[in-house]
Amino acid sequence: MPPKRVLIADDTEFFRTALKDILSRAGYEVVGEASNGAEAIELAMTLRPDLVILDVVMPAKNGLEAARAISALNLPLKIVMCTSLGYEPIVEEAVKAGASGYIIKPPSESKVLAALKAL
């Protein structure tokens, strides 16, 4: 069964809103939004989402640091990184940090849903 409860973490409100709209139309429930990595870790612990979408570049812990911390919680969730930095070293680091997939910005509905379907 695909993940349905989603936490979005990005320091850009415009991006969070765009992603929330895409996910809502596709039947996902956005249970929380974080504007930095530290907040994402806290919300992952309290909200227990099925999926966490993390921007790579964020203040107060970047997405890779947040992914490592969230992975260490051993919660039954998937992590997807979102970045405009689509080059190989970042993707490799994201996988090492616990990510199951990634989305390249700017997100189109088809790219986002294809990335989530691949989980």
C-alpha atoms as a PDB file:
ATOM      1  CA  MET A   1       0.000   0.000   0.000  1.00  0.00           C
ATOM      2  CA  PRO A   2       1.480   3.391  -0.974  1.00  0.00           C
ATOM      3  CA  PRO A   3       2.208   5.966   1.718  1.00  0.00           C
ATOM      4  CA  LYS A   4      -0.747   8.270   2.301  1.00  0.00           C
ATOM      5  CA  ARG A   5       0.127  10.512   5.291  1.00  0.00           C
ATOM      6  CA  VAL A   6       2.814  12.998   4.250  1.00  0.00           C
ATOM      7  CA  LEU A   7       5.076  15.501   6.013  1.00  0.00           C
ATOM      8  CA  ILE A   8       6.577  18.178   3.748  1.00  0.00           C
ATOM      9  CA  ALA A   9       9.761  19.988   4.798  1.00  0.00           C
ATOM     10  CA  ASP A  10      11.004  22.900   2.699  1.00  0.00           C
ATOM     11  CA  ASP A  11      12.097  26.404   3.667  1.00  0.00           C
ATOM     12  CA  THR A  12      10.103  27.900   0.782  1.00  0.00           C
ATOM     13  CA  GLU A  13       6.393  28.344   1.481  1.00  0.00           C
ATOM     14  CA  PHE A  14       5.634  28.539  -2.252  1.00  0.00           C
ATOM     15  CA  PHE A  15       7.160  25.089  -2.800  1.00  0.00           C
ATOM     16  CA  ARG A  16       5.366  23.563   0.207  1.00  0.00           C
ATOM     17  CA  THR A  17       2.039  24.908  -1.073  1.00  0.00           C
ATOM     18  CA  ALA A  18       2.644  23.653  -4.631  1.00  0.00           C
ATOM     19  CA  LEU A  19       3.618  20.206  -3.383  1.00  0.00           C
ATOM     20  CA  LYS A  20       0.678  20.093  -0.968  1.00  0.00           C
ATOM     21  CA  ASP A  21      -1.705  20.872  -3.853  1.00  0.00           C
ATOM     22  CA  ILE A  22      -0.213  18.110  -6.041  1.00  0.00           C
ATOM     23  CA  LEU A  23      -0.374  15.563  -3.220  1.00  0.00           C
ATOM     24  CA  SER A  24      -3.905  16.505  -2.128  1.00  0.00           C
ATOM     25  CA  ARG A  25      -5.235  16.120  -5.676  1.00  0.00           C
ATOM     26  CA  ALA A  26      -3.638  12.660  -5.817  1.00  0.00           C
ATOM     27  CA  GLY A  27      -5.327  11.506  -2.605  1.00  0.00           C
ATOM     28  CA  TYR A  28      -2.475  12.023  -0.139  1.00  0.00           C
ATOM     29  CA  GLU A  29      -3.086  13.637   3.252  1.00  0.00           C
ATOM     30  CA  VAL A  30      -0.506  16.293   4.146  1.00  0.00           C
ATOM     31  CA  VAL A  31      -0.358  15.962   7.940  1.00  0.00           C
ATOM     32  CA  GLY A  32       2.354  18.553   8.547  1.00  0.00           C
ATOM     33  CA  GLU A  33       4.686  21.152   7.088  1.00  0.00           C
ATOM     34  CA  ALA A  34       8.139  22.130   8.317  1.00  0.00           C
ATOM     35  CA  SER A  35      10.276  25.078   7.241  1.00  0.00           C
ATOM     36  CA  ASN A  36      13.603  23.612   8.401  1.00  0.00           C
ATOM     37  CA  GLY A  37      15.286  20.302   9.131  1.00  0.00           C
ATOM     38  CA  ALA A  38      15.051  20.490  12.927  1.00  0.00           C
ATOM     39  CA  GLU A  39      11.296  21.078  12.728  1.00  0.00           C
ATOM     40  CA  ALA A  40      10.975  18.165  10.276  1.00  0.00           C
ATOM     41  CA  ILE A  41      12.620  15.797  12.772  1.00  0.00           C
ATOM     42  CA  GLU A  42      10.286  16.917  15.576  1.00  0.00           C
ATOM     43  CA  LEU A  43       7.188  16.604  13.383  1.00  0.00           C
ATOM     44  CA  ALA A  44       8.254  13.173  12.113  1.00  0.00           C
ATOM     45  CA  MET A  45       8.461  11.969  15.731  1.00  0.00           C
ATOM     46  CA  THR A  46       5.100  13.412  16.774  1.00  0.00           C
ATOM     47  CA  LEU A  47       3.002  13.017  13.602  1.00  0.00           C
ATOM     48  CA  ARG A  48       4.356   9.603  12.499  1.00  0.00           C
ATOM     49  CA  PRO A  49       3.725  10.136   8.759  1.00  0.00           C
ATOM     50  CA  ASP A  50       4.070   7.390   6.159  1.00  0.00           C
ATOM     51  CA  LEU A  51       6.246   9.633   3.992  1.00  0.00           C
ATOM     52  CA  VAL A  52       8.561  12.588   4.618  1.00  0.00           C
ATOM     53  CA  ILE A  53       9.550  14.817   1.706  1.00  0.00           C
ATOM     54  CA  LEU A  54      12.688  16.796   2.596  1.00  0.00           C
ATOM     55  CA  ASP A  55      14.321  19.655   0.721  1.00  0.00           C
ATOM     56  CA  VAL A  56      18.100  19.208   0.657  1.00  0.00           C
ATOM     57  CA  VAL A  57      18.940  22.871   1.367  1.00  0.00           C
ATOM     58  CA  MET A  58      17.230  24.107   4.558  1.00  0.00           C
ATOM     59  CA  PRO A  59      18.267  26.034   7.681  1.00  0.00           C
ATOM     60  CA  ALA A  60      18.560  24.523  11.186  1.00  0.00           C
ATOM     61  CA  LYS A  61      19.698  21.138   9.812  1.00  0.00           C
ATOM     62  CA  ASN A  62      19.737  20.537   6.092  1.00  0.00           C
ATOM     63  CA  GLY A  63      17.710  17.791   4.457  1.00  0.00           C
ATOM     64  CA  LEU A  64      20.518  15.238   4.546  1.00  0.00           C
ATOM     65  CA  GLU A  65      21.056  15.789   8.290  1.00  0.00           C
ATOM     66  CA  ALA A  66      17.312  15.586   8.876  1.00  0.00           C
ATOM     67  CA  ALA A  67      17.089  12.378   6.798  1.00  0.00           C
ATOM     68  CA  ARG A  68      19.842  10.768   8.889  1.00  0.00           C
ATOM     69  CA  ALA A  69      18.112  11.768  12.142  1.00  0.00           C
ATOM     70  CA  ILE A  70      14.671  10.620  10.965  1.00  0.00           C
ATOM     71  CA  SER A  71      16.099   7.316   9.680  1.00  0.00           C
ATOM     72  CA  ALA A  72      17.722   6.751  13.082  1.00  0.00           C
ATOM     73  CA  LEU A  73      14.262   6.903  14.696  1.00  0.00           C
ATOM     74  CA  ASN A  74      13.454   3.581  12.982  1.00  0.00           C
ATOM     75  CA  LEU A  75       9.899   4.666  12.205  1.00  0.00           C
ATOM     76  CA  PRO A  76       7.944   2.829   9.473  1.00  0.00           C
ATOM     77  CA  LEU A  77       8.179   5.636   6.915  1.00  0.00           C
ATOM     78  CA  LYS A  78       9.772   6.486   3.587  1.00  0.00           C
ATOM     79  CA  ILE A  79      11.947   9.539   2.933  1.00  0.00           C
ATOM     80  CA  VAL A  80      12.046  11.332  -0.404  1.00  0.00           C
ATOM     81  CA  MET A  81      14.538  14.125  -0.982  1.00  0.00           C
ATOM     82  CA  CYS A  82      13.615  17.134  -3.059  1.00  0.00           C
ATOM     83  CA  THR A  83      16.291  19.274  -4.638  1.00  0.00           C
ATOM     84  CA  SER A  84      17.207  21.509  -7.502  1.00  0.00           C
ATOM     85  CA  LEU A  85      20.677  19.992  -7.102  1.00  0.00           C
ATOM     86  CA  GLY A  86      20.069  16.885  -9.187  1.00  0.00           C
ATOM     87  CA  TYR A  87      23.638  15.803  -9.614  1.00  0.00           C
ATOM     88  CA  GLU A  88      24.882  12.361  -8.635  1.00  0.00           C
ATOM     89  CA  PRO A  89      26.847  13.066  -5.388  1.00  0.00           C
ATOM     90  CA  ILE A  90      23.771  14.617  -3.718  1.00  0.00           C
ATOM     91  CA  VAL A  91      21.588  11.687  -4.787  1.00  0.00           C
ATOM     92  CA  GLU A  92      24.157   9.196  -3.448  1.00  0.00           C
ATOM     93  CA  GLU A  93      24.385  11.104  -0.135  1.00  0.00           C
ATOM     94  CA  ALA A  94      20.584  11.147   0.116  1.00  0.00           C
ATOM     95  CA  VAL A  95      20.395   7.357  -0.311  1.00  0.00           C
ATOM     96  CA  LYS A  96      23.109   6.886   2.343  1.00  0.00           C
ATOM     97  CA  ALA A  97      21.092   9.178   4.647  1.00  0.00           C
ATOM     98  CA  GLY A  98      18.033   6.939   4.294  1.00  0.00           C
ATOM     99  CA  ALA A  99      16.149   8.346   1.305  1.00  0.00           C
ATOM    100  CA  SER A 100      14.160   5.968  -0.883  1.00  0.00           C
ATOM    101  CA  GLY A 101      13.755   8.433  -3.739  1.00  0.00           C
ATOM    102  CA  TYR A 102      14.114  12.003  -4.870  1.00  0.00           C
ATOM    103  CA  ILE A 103      12.228  14.716  -6.726  1.00  0.00           C
ATOM    104  CA  ILE A 104      13.978  17.361  -8.831  1.00  0.00           C
ATOM    105  CA  LYS A 105      12.683  20.934  -8.521  1.00  0.00           C
ATOM    106  CA  PRO A 106      10.632  22.528  -9.857  1.00  0.00           C
ATOM    107  CA  PRO A 107       8.145  19.763  -9.188  1.00  0.00           C
ATOM    108  CA  SER A 108       5.638  18.891 -11.851  1.00  0.00           C
ATOM    109  CA  GLU A 109       2.663  16.758 -10.924  1.00  0.00           C
ATOM    110  CA  SER A 110       3.856  13.923 -13.160  1.00  0.00           C
ATOM    111  CA  LYS A 111       7.409  13.949 -11.697  1.00  0.00           C
ATOM    112  CA  VAL A 112       6.167  13.979  -8.103  1.00  0.00           C
ATOM    113  CA  LEU A 113       3.637  11.190  -8.598  1.00  0.00           C
ATOM    114  CA  ALA A 114       6.123   9.075 -10.585  1.00  0.00           C
ATOM    115  CA  ALA A 115       8.690   9.406  -7.771  1.00  0.00           C
ATOM    116  CA  LEU A 116       6.127   8.389  -5.156  1.00  0.00           C
ATOM    117  CA  LYS A 117       4.835   5.501  -7.258  1.00  0.00           C
ATOM    118  CA  ALA A 118       8.419   4.190  -7.506  1.00  0.00           C
ATOM    119  CA  LEU A 119       8.565   3.792  -3.724  1.00  0.00           C
END
